Every structure is written in structure tokens, then in C-alpha cells.
């Protein structure tokens, strides 16, 4: 406790130390902004294991959570990190775990467990170069396919991608809101660029942020069924452990009671509902930014830290008389299929820029088919994509 108190005194601020100001500017690192945002969203439990370049998530949580009455624990490995967060969420605490590439691989089995048991959970992945230990301190975006399909079986999941420190703050709150609203794991898929950069952000005033809490059943219900849903709804109201109801939680296919069921009819019903939670609410979940796409002949699609170079490239191309625009998915999964298809019918070409050897471009290819030309520019050597590299490829594609 003495250690915590000493750290508290040297912090540049705490949420309670200063009254909200008209312009409450802070210079923050992306990882720091993630933790501050999580606290605003109601996070009261963090468990994980240190790994570059996400370790600041743990360091900040270890200091800040006790001040909010929350709990922080460093587990023995990445598997224990997500397992503890799932357990805490089952008791009603908003929970988060964070990691990078190799640790994200270790968390995959329990991401599937959280999906089928419908446990709200935020998983932060600050991507680095891979595979394996790879390039621990270098930026990458090679975990996109893993975020979408990493755990086995068909499963619901949401993945968000911030491109600035301010957006790291905004999307962390949104990740918690989506996790609570749809009772599903949500992946905040950032990269080392955003995780480690420092930018000025405006801290929100008290009560300014929309914060969503999970719905829980009314007390003292007779014949309570934890996994039952009302007509027209896909999200059950599951009680938190210790709040009056006893029920079973399992990673096996289960019926409305929560107990395992070998019925193929029941398995189909359960899986259809789990997937419909996401597929039937895409308009609420999917978010993106467009820049100068109205008359664009070429749309450059980029996400996360790479989108910063994409926007610079678009400006350069416009100066050269080439009508370019940017499409930046903030929700990278579910894929913004409808809007990408519309853009492919409008533009002459789409160029996908990402820090890997070609992952998200495969989804673009699937959707646009032969509507327009498709190009790709990528890297996986630990270097960032520079605007001039994107500009050169854009001219080549056109």
C-alpha cells in the first residue's frame, strides 16, 4: 500500500484531484488513455501478464484501479490472465485483459469460452511484429485474421481499431459498451504505433460519456433460466454470481438452463442466436470514417496507425490532381461490407494499406468482386508504411 500511495502522489493527475475544466487537455500515451477510458467506462478488474508493447496497460491499471475500489492481478501467464477476467466478469465486474501477439494466441481458447458463455469482456491487443516472438517493439497489423477467426468454431466477436490516442480513449469506452450490451467479447485491436504514441486529448467531463451496463434479471424470479431470451431479443439477462441465483455455466453446447445438451436442434438454436446478436445489429456496431470519398476515383482503405499515413497520401494525391479518398473502418469486424461495396461501385479502384502481407484486403476482395480495380500495399518488417509509398502504389493501381 505504501508503494501505491507513493505512486499516486507523483501521478500528473487523478480523476478526483481536479474539477473538470472547460479545456481539460492531457498529453497521454495511447496505452495510458486506454486505461483511463476503461475506468470511465466502469472497469473494476484487470488481469493479465506483461508483454511488450502492452505492458503500460498493466502498469497503469495496477496504480489506478485501487483508487477506484477495483482489483488488479498479474497472473502466471496469458491464459490465466483472460481466465481471471472471465471469472471476475461473471461476478458482475466490468473486466479487461491486455496483451500483444504471442499472448493473443494464448488467449484464443478462452475467447471462445467467453463467446459461448456470453461473458462481457474487453481484450486489448497492442499488435507487434510476428510470428512467434518476432519484433517485440515494432509496429504491425498482422493479427487481423486472428481477431476475426482465431478461436475455433463459428463464434460472435467484435473488433475495433483506433488510429489516434483520442480514439483509443473513445473506442475503449465503446468496447465496454458493446461488450455489456451484447454480452460478448470485444477486441480492441490497436497497434504499437497508437499504443506508444503521445498526443493531446481532451478529458471528458463527469457524466459526459455514454456508459452502458449489462442488463440483469429482476430478483426472486421463479424458474429462472439464465440463457432464455424474450421474443425479438438475442441477448439473455444473466445474473451475476452471488446475486441470488444459482445456475450452471459451461463451454459445452447448452440449453436455456445453462446445463450441457447433446441435442443437435438445441445446438443449432444456440449458435444461431449467438451469431444473430452481431449480424442483426450491424448498424449499431459498425462504425467508420470517410475522407474526401464523394468524388474519389481511388479509395485508399487503411485502419489503425496506418490510416494516418493514408490520410497524408490522400492529401498528396489531391495536390497532384488525382481524386483520392480514404475509407477507415473503426469497426474492423464485423466487416463494413455494405459501404465497401457501395464505394467499389463508385470508384475506379480501391487500394488497401496495412502492416502485414495481406489480410484485410482478402475481405475487401470478397466483397467488391470485379466492381473495380483492387490494389494492395503492405509491410511486415517492423517499419511503418510511409505516405509516399502509398501514393506511389495508388498511381500504379490507377
Protein backbone atom coordinates (compact mmCIF):
# COMPACT_ATOMS: atom_id res chain seq x y z
CA UNK A 1 0.00 0.00 0.00
CA UNK A 2 2.90 2.36 0.71
CA UNK A 3 4.14 1.73 -2.81
CA UNK A 4 0.74 2.56 -4.27
CA UNK A 5 0.45 5.73 -2.19
CA UNK A 6 3.86 6.96 -3.32
CA UNK A 7 2.92 6.36 -6.95
CA UNK A 8 -0.36 8.16 -6.50
CA UNK A 9 1.40 11.29 -5.26
CA UNK A 10 3.59 11.55 -8.35
CA UNK A 11 0.84 10.95 -10.88
CA UNK A 12 0.21 14.02 -13.07
CA UNK A 13 -3.47 13.83 -12.11
CA UNK A 14 -6.17 11.57 -10.86
CA UNK A 15 -9.82 11.70 -11.84
CA UNK A 16 -10.79 13.08 -8.43
CA UNK A 17 -7.92 15.54 -7.92
CA UNK A 18 -9.11 18.23 -10.32
CA UNK A 19 -12.52 19.58 -11.11
CA UNK A 20 -13.47 19.30 -14.77
CA UNK A 21 -12.22 22.31 -16.70
CA UNK A 22 -13.61 23.84 -19.87
CA UNK A 23 -10.48 22.68 -21.72
CA UNK A 24 -9.12 19.73 -19.74
CA UNK A 25 -6.23 18.86 -22.03
CA UNK A 26 -3.88 15.99 -21.24
CA UNK A 27 -0.79 14.68 -23.00
CA UNK A 28 -1.23 10.92 -22.90
CA UNK A 29 0.21 7.75 -24.33
CA UNK A 30 -2.22 5.51 -26.18
CA UNK A 31 -1.94 2.70 -23.63
CA UNK A 32 -2.47 5.18 -20.78
CA UNK A 33 -5.55 6.58 -22.50
CA UNK A 34 -6.93 3.06 -22.81
CA UNK A 35 -6.77 2.52 -19.04
CA UNK A 36 -8.23 5.93 -18.18
CA UNK A 37 -11.05 5.31 -20.62
CA UNK A 38 -11.70 1.83 -19.20
CA UNK A 39 -12.03 3.34 -15.73
CA UNK A 40 -14.53 5.88 -17.06
CA UNK A 41 -16.49 3.01 -18.62
CA UNK A 42 -16.62 1.28 -15.23
CA UNK A 43 -13.74 -1.21 -15.42
CA UNK A 44 -13.10 -2.55 -11.93
CA UNK A 45 -10.95 -5.60 -12.71
CA UNK A 46 -7.83 -6.10 -14.79
CA UNK A 47 -5.81 -9.27 -15.07
CA UNK A 48 -3.02 -10.08 -17.43
CA UNK A 49 0.63 -10.79 -17.97
CA UNK A 50 3.32 -8.28 -19.02
CA UNK A 51 4.28 -8.26 -22.69
CA UNK A 52 5.71 -5.56 -24.94
CA UNK A 53 4.19 -3.28 -26.25
CA UNK A 54 1.13 -3.55 -23.99
CA UNK A 55 2.79 -3.58 -20.55
CA UNK A 56 1.76 0.00 -19.77
CA UNK A 57 -1.84 -1.25 -19.62
CA UNK A 58 -0.87 -3.36 -16.61
CA UNK A 59 1.31 -0.70 -15.01
CA UNK A 60 -1.39 1.96 -15.22
CA UNK A 61 -4.14 -0.42 -14.07
CA UNK A 62 -2.06 -1.52 -11.08
CA UNK A 63 -1.89 2.08 -9.86
CA UNK A 64 -5.30 3.41 -10.86
CA UNK A 65 -7.67 0.53 -10.11
CA UNK A 66 -7.16 0.50 -6.30
CA UNK A 67 -8.11 4.21 -6.23
CA UNK A 68 -11.47 3.27 -7.76
CA UNK A 69 -12.12 0.32 -5.46
CA UNK A 70 -11.17 -2.07 -8.23
CA UNK A 71 -8.82 -5.05 -8.35
CA UNK A 72 -5.65 -5.69 -10.33
CA UNK A 73 -3.86 -9.01 -10.52
CA UNK A 74 -0.87 -10.21 -12.51
CA UNK A 75 -1.44 -13.83 -13.45
CA UNK A 76 1.15 -16.55 -14.13
CA UNK A 77 0.58 -16.42 -17.90
CA UNK A 78 -1.70 -15.09 -20.63
CA UNK A 79 -4.16 -17.96 -20.29
CA UNK A 80 -4.60 -17.21 -16.60
CA UNK A 81 -4.94 -13.52 -17.46
CA UNK A 82 -8.06 -13.94 -19.57
CA UNK A 83 -9.45 -16.73 -17.38
CA UNK A 84 -9.36 -14.48 -14.30
CA UNK A 85 -11.02 -11.66 -16.25
CA UNK A 86 -13.82 -14.01 -17.32
CA UNK A 87 -14.34 -15.09 -13.72
CA UNK A 88 -14.47 -11.50 -12.50
CA UNK A 89 -16.97 -10.57 -15.21
CA UNK A 90 -19.23 -13.43 -14.14
CA UNK A 91 -19.46 -11.78 -10.72
CA UNK A 92 -20.67 -8.55 -12.36
CA UNK A 93 -17.40 -6.60 -12.59
CA UNK A 94 -16.51 -4.92 -15.86
CA UNK A 95 -13.25 -6.65 -16.74
CA UNK A 96 -10.37 -6.17 -19.15
CA UNK A 97 -7.23 -8.03 -20.11
CA UNK A 98 -4.47 -6.83 -22.42
CA UNK A 99 -1.65 -8.40 -24.41
CA UNK A 100 0.26 -8.49 -27.69
CA UNK A 101 0.81 -11.08 -30.45
CA UNK A 102 2.07 -14.25 -28.70
CA UNK A 103 -0.19 -13.60 -25.71
CA UNK A 104 -3.18 -13.06 -28.00
CA UNK A 105 -2.56 -16.52 -29.42
CA UNK A 106 -2.67 -18.00 -25.92
CA UNK A 107 -5.96 -16.28 -25.14
CA UNK A 108 -7.84 -17.73 -28.11
CA UNK A 109 -9.37 -20.75 -26.38
CA UNK A 110 -10.83 -18.61 -23.62
CA UNK A 111 -12.12 -16.05 -26.13
CA UNK A 112 -14.26 -18.89 -27.46
CA UNK A 113 -15.31 -19.75 -23.92
CA UNK A 114 -16.38 -16.16 -23.26
CA UNK A 115 -18.32 -16.15 -26.53
CA UNK A 116 -20.37 -19.29 -25.85
CA UNK A 117 -20.97 -18.48 -22.17
CA UNK A 118 -21.87 -14.88 -23.14
CA UNK A 119 -19.50 -13.20 -20.71
CA UNK A 120 -18.89 -9.46 -21.37
CA UNK A 121 -15.15 -8.91 -21.73
CA UNK A 122 -12.72 -6.44 -23.32
CA UNK A 123 -9.47 -7.84 -24.73
CA UNK A 124 -6.84 -5.30 -25.79
CA UNK A 125 -4.22 -6.41 -28.32
CA UNK A 126 -1.42 -3.94 -28.99
CA UNK A 127 -0.06 -5.59 -32.13
CA UNK A 128 3.64 -6.13 -32.76
CA UNK A 129 5.73 -7.86 -35.42
CA UNK A 130 5.43 -11.63 -35.69
CA UNK A 131 5.13 -14.58 -36.00
CA UNK A 132 6.26 -16.02 -32.65
CA UNK A 133 8.42 -13.64 -30.59
CA UNK A 134 9.06 -11.70 -33.80
CA UNK A 135 9.74 -7.99 -33.35
CA UNK A 136 8.52 -7.13 -29.83
CA UNK A 137 8.99 -3.35 -30.09
CA UNK A 138 7.97 -2.82 -33.71
CA UNK A 139 4.54 -1.96 -35.15
CA UNK A 140 2.45 -4.44 -37.09
CA UNK A 141 -1.14 -5.28 -38.02
CA UNK A 142 -0.71 -8.99 -38.50
CA UNK A 143 -3.38 -10.15 -36.03
CA UNK A 144 -6.42 -9.08 -38.03
CA UNK A 145 -7.41 -12.52 -39.26
CA UNK A 146 -6.72 -13.92 -35.81
CA UNK A 147 -9.06 -11.36 -34.23
CA UNK A 148 -11.83 -12.35 -36.62
CA UNK A 149 -11.31 -16.11 -36.76
CA UNK A 150 -8.70 -17.02 -34.13
CA UNK A 151 -10.73 -19.17 -31.80
CA UNK A 152 -12.20 -22.39 -33.17
CA UNK A 153 -15.76 -22.83 -34.33
CA UNK A 154 -18.26 -20.26 -35.51
CA UNK A 155 -18.42 -17.58 -32.86
CA UNK A 156 -19.56 -13.99 -32.33
CA UNK A 157 -16.92 -11.33 -31.79
CA UNK A 158 -16.47 -7.59 -32.31
CA UNK A 159 -13.12 -5.94 -33.12
CA UNK A 160 -12.40 -2.20 -33.04
CA UNK A 161 -9.33 -0.39 -34.41
CA UNK A 162 -8.24 3.07 -33.09
CA UNK A 163 -5.93 5.33 -35.09
CA UNK A 164 -5.11 8.01 -32.50
CA UNK A 165 -4.72 8.45 -28.76
CA UNK A 166 -8.04 10.29 -28.62
CA UNK A 167 -9.71 7.44 -30.46
CA UNK A 168 -8.03 4.90 -28.18
CA UNK A 169 -9.94 6.63 -25.39
CA UNK A 170 -13.21 6.77 -27.30
CA UNK A 171 -13.12 3.21 -28.61
CA UNK A 172 -12.18 1.71 -25.24
CA UNK A 173 -15.41 3.10 -23.78
CA UNK A 174 -17.25 1.83 -26.83
CA UNK A 175 -15.66 -1.60 -26.47
CA UNK A 176 -17.02 -1.89 -22.93
CA UNK A 177 -20.43 -0.63 -24.01
CA UNK A 178 -20.67 -3.17 -26.83
CA UNK A 179 -19.43 -5.99 -24.60
CA UNK A 180 -22.05 -5.20 -21.97
CA UNK A 181 -24.87 -4.59 -24.44
CA UNK A 182 -24.36 -7.76 -26.46
CA UNK A 183 -22.75 -9.95 -23.79
CA UNK A 184 -19.79 -10.88 -25.97
CA UNK A 185 -16.01 -10.49 -26.01
CA UNK A 186 -14.88 -7.30 -27.74
CA UNK A 187 -11.33 -6.98 -29.06
CA UNK A 188 -9.65 -3.58 -29.10
CA UNK A 189 -7.17 -4.28 -31.89
CA UNK A 190 -4.65 -1.46 -31.67
CA UNK A 191 -1.03 -1.43 -32.85
CA UNK A 192 2.29 -0.33 -31.39
CA UNK A 193 2.04 2.98 -33.27
CA UNK A 194 -1.08 4.06 -31.41
CA UNK A 195 -0.25 2.25 -28.18
CA UNK A 196 3.04 4.09 -27.68
CA UNK A 197 2.48 7.48 -29.30
CA UNK A 198 1.66 10.51 -27.17
CA UNK A 199 -0.95 13.05 -28.21
CA UNK A 200 -3.08 15.74 -26.66
CA UNK A 201 -6.60 14.70 -25.80
CA UNK A 202 -9.47 16.42 -24.05
CA UNK A 203 -10.58 14.55 -20.98
CA UNK A 204 -14.38 14.26 -20.74
CA UNK A 205 -16.37 15.91 -18.00
CA UNK A 206 -18.18 13.79 -15.44
CA UNK A 207 -21.37 12.38 -16.95
CA UNK A 208 -20.34 13.31 -20.50
CA UNK A 209 -19.71 9.77 -21.72
CA UNK A 210 -22.40 7.25 -22.54
CA UNK A 211 -21.79 4.24 -20.34
CA UNK A 212 -23.84 1.07 -20.86
CA UNK A 213 -24.23 -1.58 -18.17
CA UNK A 214 -25.36 -5.14 -18.76
CA UNK A 215 -28.99 -5.97 -18.10
CA UNK A 216 -29.59 -8.36 -15.24
CA UNK A 217 -32.77 -10.20 -14.29
CA UNK A 218 -35.15 -8.95 -11.65
CA UNK A 219 -34.59 -10.65 -8.28
CA UNK A 220 -36.60 -13.58 -6.97
CA UNK A 221 -37.86 -14.90 -10.29
CA UNK A 222 -39.36 -18.35 -10.14
CA UNK A 223 -37.96 -20.90 -12.58
CA UNK A 224 -35.16 -18.55 -13.64
CA UNK A 225 -33.48 -19.60 -16.90
CA UNK A 226 -30.15 -17.79 -17.40
CA UNK A 227 -29.93 -18.32 -21.16
CA UNK A 228 -33.51 -17.63 -22.12
CA UNK A 229 -34.37 -14.60 -24.25
CA UNK A 230 -37.53 -12.62 -24.81
CA UNK A 231 -39.25 -12.66 -28.18
CA UNK A 232 -37.32 -10.47 -30.64
CA UNK A 233 -34.22 -10.35 -28.45
CA UNK A 234 -30.94 -12.21 -28.85
CA UNK A 235 -29.25 -11.22 -25.59
CA UNK A 236 -30.12 -13.04 -22.34
CA UNK A 237 -30.25 -11.35 -18.95
CA UNK A 238 -27.79 -13.45 -16.98
CA UNK A 239 -27.48 -12.87 -13.25
CA UNK A 240 -24.10 -12.12 -11.73
CA UNK A 241 -22.67 -14.73 -9.41
CA UNK A 242 -23.57 -14.02 -5.80
CA UNK A 243 -26.75 -12.10 -6.55
CA UNK A 244 -29.34 -14.63 -5.56
CA UNK A 245 -29.43 -17.12 -8.40
CA UNK A 246 -27.62 -20.43 -8.81
CA UNK A 247 -27.04 -21.66 -12.35
CA UNK A 248 -24.59 -23.58 -14.49
CA UNK A 249 -22.01 -22.09 -16.88
CA UNK A 250 -20.26 -24.34 -19.41
CA UNK A 251 -18.30 -24.16 -22.64
CA UNK A 252 -20.35 -27.09 -23.94
CA UNK A 253 -23.43 -26.51 -26.04
CA UNK A 254 -26.15 -25.84 -23.51
CA UNK A 255 -29.85 -25.19 -23.25
CA UNK A 256 -31.65 -22.30 -21.55
CA UNK A 257 -30.81 -23.68 -18.10
CA UNK A 258 -27.08 -23.44 -18.79
CA UNK A 259 -26.59 -27.19 -18.48
CA UNK A 260 -24.96 -29.19 -21.32
CA UNK A 261 -27.18 -30.51 -24.08
CA UNK A 262 -26.31 -33.01 -26.83
CA UNK A 263 -29.37 -32.07 -28.87
CA UNK A 264 -28.38 -31.01 -32.39
CA UNK A 265 -31.58 -28.99 -32.61
CA UNK A 266 -30.64 -27.11 -29.44
CA UNK A 267 -27.04 -26.60 -30.66
CA UNK A 268 -28.33 -25.02 -33.85
CA UNK A 269 -30.71 -22.79 -31.91
CA UNK A 270 -27.97 -21.61 -29.55
CA UNK A 271 -25.40 -20.93 -32.27
CA UNK A 272 -27.92 -19.12 -34.47
CA UNK A 273 -28.79 -16.83 -31.57
CA UNK A 274 -25.15 -16.17 -30.68
CA UNK A 275 -24.35 -15.15 -34.26
CA UNK A 276 -27.56 -13.13 -34.63
CA UNK A 277 -26.54 -10.94 -31.68
CA UNK A 278 -23.94 -9.47 -34.03
CA UNK A 279 -25.36 -9.99 -37.52
CA UNK A 280 -28.75 -8.47 -36.68
CA UNK A 281 -27.20 -5.41 -35.04
CA UNK A 282 -24.54 -4.42 -37.58
CA UNK A 283 -25.96 -0.93 -37.99
CA UNK A 284 -25.38 -0.31 -34.30
CA UNK A 285 -21.95 -1.97 -34.17
CA UNK A 286 -20.23 -0.93 -37.41
CA UNK A 287 -18.56 2.48 -37.48
CA UNK A 288 -16.15 4.06 -39.97
CA UNK A 289 -14.66 7.36 -41.16
CA UNK A 290 -14.62 8.68 -44.72
CA UNK A 291 -12.39 11.45 -46.02
CA UNK A 292 -12.89 13.03 -49.44
CA UNK A 293 -14.65 9.96 -50.86
CA UNK A 294 -17.52 11.84 -52.53
CA UNK A 295 -15.82 12.22 -55.93
CA UNK A 296 -12.85 9.88 -55.45
CA UNK A 297 -11.53 7.84 -58.34
CA UNK A 298 -9.41 5.80 -55.93
CA UNK A 299 -10.36 4.90 -52.37
CA UNK A 300 -7.47 4.05 -50.05
CA UNK A 301 -8.60 1.81 -47.20
CA UNK A 302 -6.49 1.83 -44.04
CA UNK A 303 -7.07 1.27 -40.34
CA UNK A 304 -5.28 1.82 -37.04
CA UNK A 305 -1.95 3.63 -37.12
CA UNK A 306 -1.58 3.05 -40.87
CA UNK A 307 -4.61 5.26 -41.56
CA UNK A 308 -2.54 8.27 -40.51
CA UNK A 309 -0.21 7.70 -43.48
CA UNK A 310 -3.22 7.01 -45.69
CA UNK A 311 -4.75 10.41 -44.96
CA UNK A 312 -1.45 12.15 -45.74
CA UNK A 313 -1.24 10.22 -49.00
CA UNK A 314 -4.77 11.27 -49.96
CA UNK A 315 -3.84 14.91 -49.42
CA UNK A 316 -0.69 14.49 -51.54
CA UNK A 317 -2.62 12.83 -54.35
CA UNK A 318 -5.23 15.58 -54.34
CA UNK A 319 -2.46 18.19 -54.70
CA UNK A 320 -1.25 16.26 -57.73
CA UNK A 321 -4.70 16.38 -59.30
CA UNK A 322 -5.66 12.78 -58.51
CA UNK A 323 -9.07 12.37 -56.90
CA UNK A 324 -8.30 10.17 -53.91
CA UNK A 325 -10.27 9.47 -50.75
CA UNK A 326 -9.85 7.48 -47.55
CA UNK A 327 -12.11 4.87 -46.01
CA UNK A 328 -11.14 3.94 -42.47
CA UNK A 329 -13.06 1.22 -40.63
CA UNK A 330 -13.20 1.84 -36.88
CA UNK A 331 -15.09 -1.43 -36.51
CA UNK A 332 -12.97 -3.84 -38.49
CA UNK A 333 -15.17 -6.80 -37.55
CA UNK A 334 -17.98 -7.24 -38.46
CA UNK A 335 -16.67 -6.13 -41.83
CA UNK A 336 -18.37 -2.93 -43.17
CA UNK A 337 -19.49 -4.87 -46.21
CA UNK A 338 -22.37 -2.67 -47.29
CA UNK A 339 -20.38 0.58 -47.50
CA UNK A 340 -17.29 -1.00 -49.07
CA UNK A 341 -19.46 -2.49 -51.80
CA UNK A 342 -21.07 0.91 -52.45
CA UNK A 343 -17.66 2.55 -52.74
CA UNK A 344 -16.48 -0.14 -55.17
CA UNK A 345 -19.37 0.76 -57.48
CA UNK A 346 -18.46 4.45 -57.28
CA UNK A 347 -14.67 4.44 -57.61
CA UNK A 348 -12.32 3.18 -60.29
CA UNK A 349 -10.06 1.46 -57.75
CA UNK A 350 -9.64 0.56 -54.09
CA UNK A 351 -6.19 0.32 -52.54
CA UNK A 352 -5.81 -1.46 -49.19
CA UNK A 353 -2.88 -0.38 -46.99
CA UNK A 354 -1.98 -2.45 -43.93
CA UNK A 355 1.06 -3.50 -41.92
CA UNK A 356 1.01 -7.16 -42.95
CA UNK A 357 1.39 -9.15 -46.15
CA UNK A 358 -2.31 -9.12 -46.98
CA UNK A 359 -5.13 -9.89 -44.53
CA UNK A 360 -7.93 -7.32 -44.52
CA UNK A 361 -7.53 -7.00 -48.28
CA UNK A 362 -8.97 -10.51 -48.58
CA UNK A 363 -12.28 -9.32 -47.10
CA UNK A 364 -12.29 -6.35 -49.49
CA UNK A 365 -11.65 -8.69 -52.42
CA UNK A 366 -14.50 -10.95 -51.32
CA UNK A 367 -16.97 -8.06 -51.21
CA UNK A 368 -16.08 -5.93 -54.24
CA UNK A 369 -15.56 -8.85 -56.64
CA UNK A 370 -14.97 -7.25 -60.07
CA UNK A 371 -16.71 -3.95 -59.39
CA UNK A 372 -13.43 -2.02 -59.60
CA UNK A 373 -9.66 -2.48 -59.56
CA UNK A 374 -8.10 -3.68 -56.31
CA UNK A 375 -4.58 -2.96 -55.12
CA UNK A 376 -2.57 -3.72 -52.01
CA UNK A 377 0.40 -2.14 -50.28
CA UNK A 378 1.81 -3.68 -47.12
CA UNK A 379 4.85 -4.29 -44.93
CA UNK A 380 5.75 -6.81 -42.25
CA UNK A 381 9.33 -5.87 -41.45
CA UNK A 382 8.69 -3.64 -38.43
CA UNK A 383 8.66 -0.38 -40.39
CA UNK A 384 5.63 1.85 -40.82
CA UNK A 385 4.04 2.49 -44.21
CA UNK A 386 5.08 5.94 -45.35
CA UNK A 387 2.71 8.26 -47.25
CA UNK A 388 4.96 8.37 -50.32
CA UNK A 389 4.90 4.55 -50.55
CA UNK A 390 1.10 4.57 -50.51
CA UNK A 391 0.98 7.43 -53.01
CA UNK A 392 3.27 5.58 -55.43
CA UNK A 393 1.15 2.42 -55.22
CA UNK A 394 -2.05 4.39 -55.73
CA UNK A 395 -0.73 5.82 -59.00
CA UNK A 396 0.31 2.35 -60.10
CA UNK A 397 -3.14 0.91 -59.39
CA UNK A 398 -4.93 3.66 -61.30
